[in-house]
Amino acid sequence: MSIGNSSEDDRPSIGHAIQQARIAAGLTVDEVSTTTRVRVPIVQGIEQDDFSRCGGDVYARGHLRTLARAVGLDPEPLVAQFDGDRGGRPEPTPAAPLFEAERIRPERGRPNWTAAMVAAIVVVVGFVGFTLFSGGGKGSAVAEGENTVAPVQPTKPAAGKSGKTARPSTVPGPGPSESAIAGVPKDKVTIKITAKDGQSWISAKDANGRLLEDGLLKKGESRTFTDKKRIDLVVGNAGVVQLFVNGKEVEKVGDKGAVERLSYSAGPQAG
């Protein structure tokens, strides 16, 4: 639905435009509220062009942007229409500093215990070294009753049959672990969704209707859901996501700007 391309007399109201886009996307008010986390009374009020529940123009603009994206509309024309209906957006006022940060001054006269400990360790090490190697290198004990530190003798590597020194074999480290998606049990359903080409709005529930996730999925972010029976998804802006179901990629989730409602159960799924 296009907002802002027609004359002011012909264009629909803000609330009517959002309501028509929601209906065209096949979404209910409850589903939009769950996906955007905007309370149902506020969604209903905005669709009736009543912004009194928003708590002010700043919050109303934020709700307009969130709802517009959820139903596949460009939010900027709606926000511009909202500001135009109220005489334009007011100029921002500079924020006054709340307080002046107090400068932290180091305490004077406090002893530096770290430096003292380092100096003490250096003295002890020097004394031990002098004691061990004095007297022709015979390695006398530091004190009676204390154990002397025996020098570690270097070990020579064993020679092979050809007479050459055999080098220790290099044991390869463990390779990268396989994807958790590819190794999931067959008696469960596992879904991995990634916002590959842009941000999306998702809502996921398990077979018992318990909400697993709802909200904005930013570009590059991923979520993984697992259930023994079924997972139900609502995906906004479906054309930008990459979806794996039980280790197999779904070829096309939907179009950009579209909202798709999907349901997957345990076992192999069609691509």
Protein backbone atom coordinates (compact mmCIF):
# COMPACT_ATOMS: atom_id res chain seq x y z
CA MET A 1 0.00 0.00 0.00
CA SER A 2 1.44 3.42 -0.96
CA ILE A 3 1.29 6.33 1.48
CA GLY A 4 2.21 9.84 0.41
CA ASN A 5 1.93 9.49 -3.40
CA SER A 6 -1.63 10.84 -3.63
CA SER A 7 -3.06 14.19 -2.66
CA GLU A 8 -3.82 14.93 0.98
CA ASP A 9 -7.55 14.72 0.36
CA ASP A 10 -7.34 11.28 -1.27
CA ARG A 11 -4.80 9.56 0.93
CA PRO A 12 -6.13 7.35 3.76
CA SER A 13 -5.65 8.22 7.39
CA ILE A 14 -2.67 6.78 9.25
CA GLY A 15 -4.74 4.33 11.25
CA HIS A 16 -6.76 3.19 8.23
CA ALA A 17 -3.57 2.58 6.22
CA ILE A 18 -2.07 0.41 8.97
CA GLN A 19 -5.32 -1.50 9.46
CA GLN A 20 -5.72 -2.25 5.74
CA ALA A 21 -2.08 -3.39 5.45
CA ARG A 22 -2.52 -5.67 8.45
CA ILE A 23 -5.65 -7.25 6.99
CA ALA A 24 -3.93 -7.68 3.62
CA ALA A 25 -1.05 -9.46 5.35
CA GLY A 26 -3.48 -11.86 7.03
CA LEU A 27 -2.54 -10.79 10.56
CA THR A 28 -4.74 -10.26 13.57
CA VAL A 29 -4.31 -7.47 16.10
CA ASP A 30 -3.10 -10.03 18.66
CA GLU A 31 -0.44 -11.36 16.26
CA VAL A 32 0.82 -7.85 15.50
CA SER A 33 0.90 -7.08 19.22
CA THR A 34 2.86 -10.28 19.95
CA THR A 35 5.37 -9.64 17.17
CA THR A 36 5.96 -5.94 17.91
CA ARG A 37 5.40 -5.99 21.71
CA VAL A 38 3.03 -3.06 21.33
CA ARG A 39 0.04 -3.63 23.63
CA VAL A 40 -3.29 -4.53 22.03
CA PRO A 41 -5.15 -1.36 23.21
CA ILE A 42 -2.44 0.82 21.67
CA VAL A 43 -2.61 -1.07 18.33
CA GLN A 44 -6.40 -0.76 18.30
CA GLY A 45 -6.22 2.95 19.18
CA ILE A 46 -3.70 3.73 16.43
CA GLU A 47 -5.85 1.93 13.85
CA GLN A 48 -8.67 4.30 14.92
CA ASP A 49 -6.30 7.32 14.68
CA ASP A 50 -6.36 7.65 18.46
CA PHE A 51 -2.82 8.26 19.74
CA SER A 52 -3.78 9.22 23.28
CA ARG A 53 -2.64 5.85 24.68
CA CYS A 54 0.88 6.20 23.24
CA GLY A 55 2.11 8.48 26.02
CA GLY A 56 3.19 11.38 23.80
CA ASP A 57 4.26 12.16 20.24
CA VAL A 58 7.74 10.67 20.65
CA TYR A 59 6.32 7.27 21.66
CA ALA A 60 3.62 7.56 19.00
CA ARG A 61 6.27 7.94 16.27
CA GLY A 62 8.09 4.88 17.60
CA HIS A 63 4.89 2.80 17.64
CA LEU A 64 4.07 3.95 14.08
CA ARG A 65 7.46 2.83 12.78
CA THR A 66 7.21 -0.54 14.53
CA LEU A 67 3.66 -1.30 13.37
CA ALA A 68 4.35 -0.12 9.80
CA ARG A 69 7.33 -2.46 9.44
CA ALA A 70 5.37 -5.37 10.91
CA VAL A 71 2.61 -5.05 8.29
CA GLY A 72 4.96 -4.32 5.38
CA LEU A 73 4.61 -0.53 5.05
CA ASP A 74 7.27 2.15 4.69
CA PRO A 75 7.15 3.95 8.06
CA GLU A 76 8.61 7.31 7.00
CA PRO A 77 5.58 8.63 5.02
CA LEU A 78 3.33 7.70 7.96
CA VAL A 79 5.56 9.53 10.44
CA ALA A 80 5.73 12.55 8.10
CA GLN A 81 1.91 12.55 7.85
CA PHE A 82 1.68 12.27 11.65
CA ASP A 83 3.99 15.28 12.11
CA GLY A 84 2.16 17.23 9.41
CA ASP A 85 -1.17 16.72 11.14
CA ARG A 86 0.38 18.26 14.28
CA GLY A 87 2.03 21.25 12.64
CA GLY A 88 5.43 19.67 12.04
CA ARG A 89 7.97 18.08 14.32
CA PRO A 90 9.30 20.45 17.02
CA GLU A 91 12.98 21.37 17.05
CA PRO A 92 15.01 19.19 19.41
CA THR A 93 16.14 20.89 22.60
CA PRO A 94 19.69 20.28 23.80
CA ALA A 95 19.86 18.10 26.86
CA ALA A 96 21.25 19.81 29.94
CA PRO A 97 23.98 17.94 31.81
CA LEU A 98 22.54 16.21 34.85
CA PHE A 99 25.69 16.43 36.89
CA GLU A 100 29.38 17.17 36.61
CA ALA A 101 31.45 14.08 36.97
CA GLU A 102 33.65 14.24 40.01
CA ARG A 103 37.32 13.88 39.20
CA ILE A 104 38.90 10.94 40.98
CA ARG A 105 42.21 11.85 42.47
CA PRO A 106 44.74 9.25 43.55
CA GLU A 107 45.48 9.10 47.24
CA ARG A 108 48.84 10.52 48.24
CA GLY A 109 51.24 8.84 50.55
CA ARG A 110 49.77 5.37 50.06
CA PRO A 111 52.55 2.73 49.90
CA ASN A 112 53.00 0.91 46.62
CA TRP A 113 52.77 -2.70 47.80
CA THR A 114 53.06 -4.12 44.28
CA ALA A 115 56.46 -2.53 43.70
CA ALA A 116 57.63 -3.66 47.14
CA MET A 117 56.61 -7.27 46.44
CA VAL A 118 58.38 -7.26 43.06
CA ALA A 119 61.56 -5.91 44.67
CA ALA A 120 61.40 -8.58 47.39
CA ILE A 121 60.98 -11.37 44.81
CA VAL A 122 63.98 -10.09 42.84
CA VAL A 123 66.13 -10.09 45.99
CA VAL A 124 65.05 -13.66 46.91
CA VAL A 125 65.71 -14.99 43.40
CA GLY A 126 69.11 -13.32 43.31
CA PHE A 127 70.06 -14.77 46.69
CA VAL A 128 68.96 -18.30 45.68
CA GLY A 129 70.89 -18.10 42.42
CA PHE A 130 74.01 -16.87 44.14
CA THR A 131 73.78 -19.63 46.76
CA LEU A 132 73.24 -22.44 44.24
CA PHE A 133 76.08 -21.51 41.91
CA SER A 134 78.63 -20.31 44.43
CA GLY A 135 81.51 -22.61 45.50
CA GLY A 136 82.50 -23.93 42.05
CA GLY A 137 79.00 -24.84 40.87
CA LYS A 138 78.51 -27.66 43.40
CA GLY A 139 75.01 -26.45 44.19
CA SER A 140 74.99 -26.22 48.00
CA ALA A 141 71.66 -26.18 49.83
CA VAL A 142 70.03 -22.87 50.59
CA ALA A 143 69.27 -23.77 54.22
CA GLU A 144 69.43 -26.84 56.36
CA GLY A 145 66.31 -28.99 56.06
CA GLU A 146 65.17 -27.42 52.77
CA ASN A 147 65.13 -29.31 49.49
CA THR A 148 67.54 -28.19 46.84
CA VAL A 149 66.31 -27.62 43.35
CA ALA A 150 67.96 -30.13 41.02
CA PRO A 151 68.71 -28.86 37.51
CA VAL A 152 66.64 -30.43 34.83
CA GLN A 153 68.73 -32.51 32.43
CA PRO A 154 67.86 -32.10 28.77
CA THR A 155 66.65 -35.30 27.13
CA LYS A 156 67.88 -36.32 23.72
CA PRO A 157 65.32 -37.46 21.15
CA ALA A 158 65.56 -41.15 20.22
CA ALA A 159 67.26 -41.99 16.95
CA GLY A 160 65.36 -43.95 14.28
CA LYS A 161 66.59 -46.90 12.26
CA SER A 162 68.31 -44.68 9.71
CA GLY A 163 70.33 -42.99 12.44
CA LYS A 164 68.51 -39.69 12.05
CA THR A 165 66.87 -38.07 14.98
CA ALA A 166 63.18 -38.91 15.05
CA ARG A 167 60.97 -35.90 15.50
CA PRO A 168 57.86 -36.22 17.66
CA SER A 169 54.79 -36.89 15.60
CA THR A 170 52.25 -34.14 15.31
CA VAL A 171 48.84 -35.23 16.48
CA PRO A 172 46.13 -33.28 14.65
CA GLY A 173 43.66 -31.53 16.90
CA PRO A 174 39.98 -32.22 16.79
CA GLY A 175 38.30 -30.91 13.68
CA PRO A 176 35.43 -28.47 13.73
CA SER A 177 32.28 -29.91 15.19
CA GLU A 178 29.46 -30.60 12.80
CA SER A 179 26.46 -28.33 12.78
CA ALA A 180 24.04 -28.94 15.59
CA ILE A 181 21.26 -28.68 13.05
CA ALA A 182 22.56 -31.58 10.97
CA GLY A 183 22.88 -33.84 14.01
CA VAL A 184 19.51 -33.31 15.67
CA PRO A 185 17.46 -36.38 16.64
CA LYS A 186 14.92 -37.46 14.06
CA ASP A 187 12.13 -37.55 16.65
CA LYS A 188 12.34 -33.77 17.15
CA VAL A 189 11.83 -30.68 15.03
CA THR A 190 14.71 -28.22 14.96
CA ILE A 191 14.52 -24.84 13.24
CA LYS A 192 17.31 -22.36 12.64
CA ILE A 193 16.34 -18.94 11.25
CA THR A 194 18.85 -16.26 10.22
CA ALA A 195 18.20 -12.64 9.18
CA LYS A 196 20.51 -12.93 6.15
CA ASP A 197 19.67 -9.93 3.94
CA GLY A 198 18.01 -7.57 6.42
CA GLN A 199 16.08 -7.43 9.67
CA SER A 200 12.96 -9.48 10.30
CA TRP A 201 10.25 -9.79 12.94
CA ILE A 202 9.65 -13.30 14.27
CA SER A 203 7.38 -15.08 16.71
CA ALA A 204 7.94 -18.76 17.60
CA LYS A 205 5.75 -21.10 19.67
CA ASP A 206 6.07 -24.78 20.59
CA ALA A 207 3.40 -27.47 20.27
CA ASN A 208 1.85 -26.43 23.61
CA GLY A 209 1.50 -22.82 22.51
CA ARG A 210 4.35 -21.64 24.74
CA LEU A 211 6.04 -18.53 23.35
CA LEU A 212 9.71 -19.26 22.58
CA GLU A 213 10.68 -15.96 20.94
CA ASP A 214 9.05 -12.78 19.70
CA GLY A 215 10.62 -9.55 18.53
CA LEU A 216 13.12 -8.07 16.11
CA LEU A 217 15.84 -10.21 14.50
CA LYS A 218 18.59 -7.89 13.26
CA LYS A 219 20.65 -8.56 10.13
CA GLY A 220 23.18 -11.33 10.74
CA GLU A 221 21.47 -12.65 13.89
CA SER A 222 20.20 -16.24 14.20
CA ARG A 223 17.82 -18.13 16.47
CA THR A 224 17.43 -21.91 16.90
CA PHE A 225 14.28 -23.60 18.26
CA THR A 226 13.70 -27.28 19.11
CA ASP A 227 10.56 -29.16 20.15
CA LYS A 228 9.50 -32.80 20.26
CA LYS A 229 6.35 -32.25 18.20
CA ARG A 230 5.90 -28.94 16.39
CA ILE A 231 7.08 -25.32 16.09
CA ASP A 232 4.83 -22.54 14.75
CA LEU A 233 6.44 -19.45 13.23
CA VAL A 234 5.26 -15.97 12.24
CA VAL A 235 7.94 -14.31 10.06
CA GLY A 236 7.81 -10.66 9.02
CA ASN A 237 9.78 -9.43 5.99
CA ALA A 238 10.09 -13.11 5.07
CA GLY A 239 12.17 -12.56 1.94
CA VAL A 240 15.31 -11.63 3.89
CA VAL A 241 15.56 -14.73 6.13
CA GLN A 242 17.34 -18.06 5.68
CA LEU A 243 15.51 -21.01 7.25
CA PHE A 244 16.75 -24.53 8.04
CA VAL A 245 14.25 -27.18 9.17
CA ASN A 246 15.69 -30.43 10.54
CA GLY A 247 19.00 -29.70 8.79
CA LYS A 248 17.46 -28.94 5.39
CA GLU A 249 17.24 -25.42 3.97
CA VAL A 250 13.84 -24.09 2.91
CA GLU A 251 14.32 -22.75 -0.61
CA LYS A 252 12.00 -19.76 -0.29
CA VAL A 253 10.36 -18.59 2.92
CA GLY A 254 8.47 -15.69 1.33
CA ASP A 255 8.82 -12.29 -0.32
CA LYS A 256 10.43 -9.16 1.10
CA GLY A 257 7.93 -7.19 3.15
CA ALA A 258 5.56 -10.19 3.37
CA VAL A 259 4.44 -11.84 6.61
CA GLU A 260 4.41 -15.66 6.57
CA ARG A 261 2.85 -18.05 9.10
CA LEU A 262 4.62 -21.42 9.07
CA SER A 263 4.36 -24.66 11.02
CA TYR A 264 6.87 -27.53 11.08
CA SER A 265 6.79 -30.90 12.82
CA ALA A 266 9.34 -33.61 13.60
CA GLY A 267 10.82 -35.67 10.76
CA PRO A 268 12.12 -34.77 7.29
CA GLN A 269 10.66 -31.66 5.69
CA ALA A 270 10.26 -30.61 2.09
CA GLY A 271 12.60 -27.85 0.92
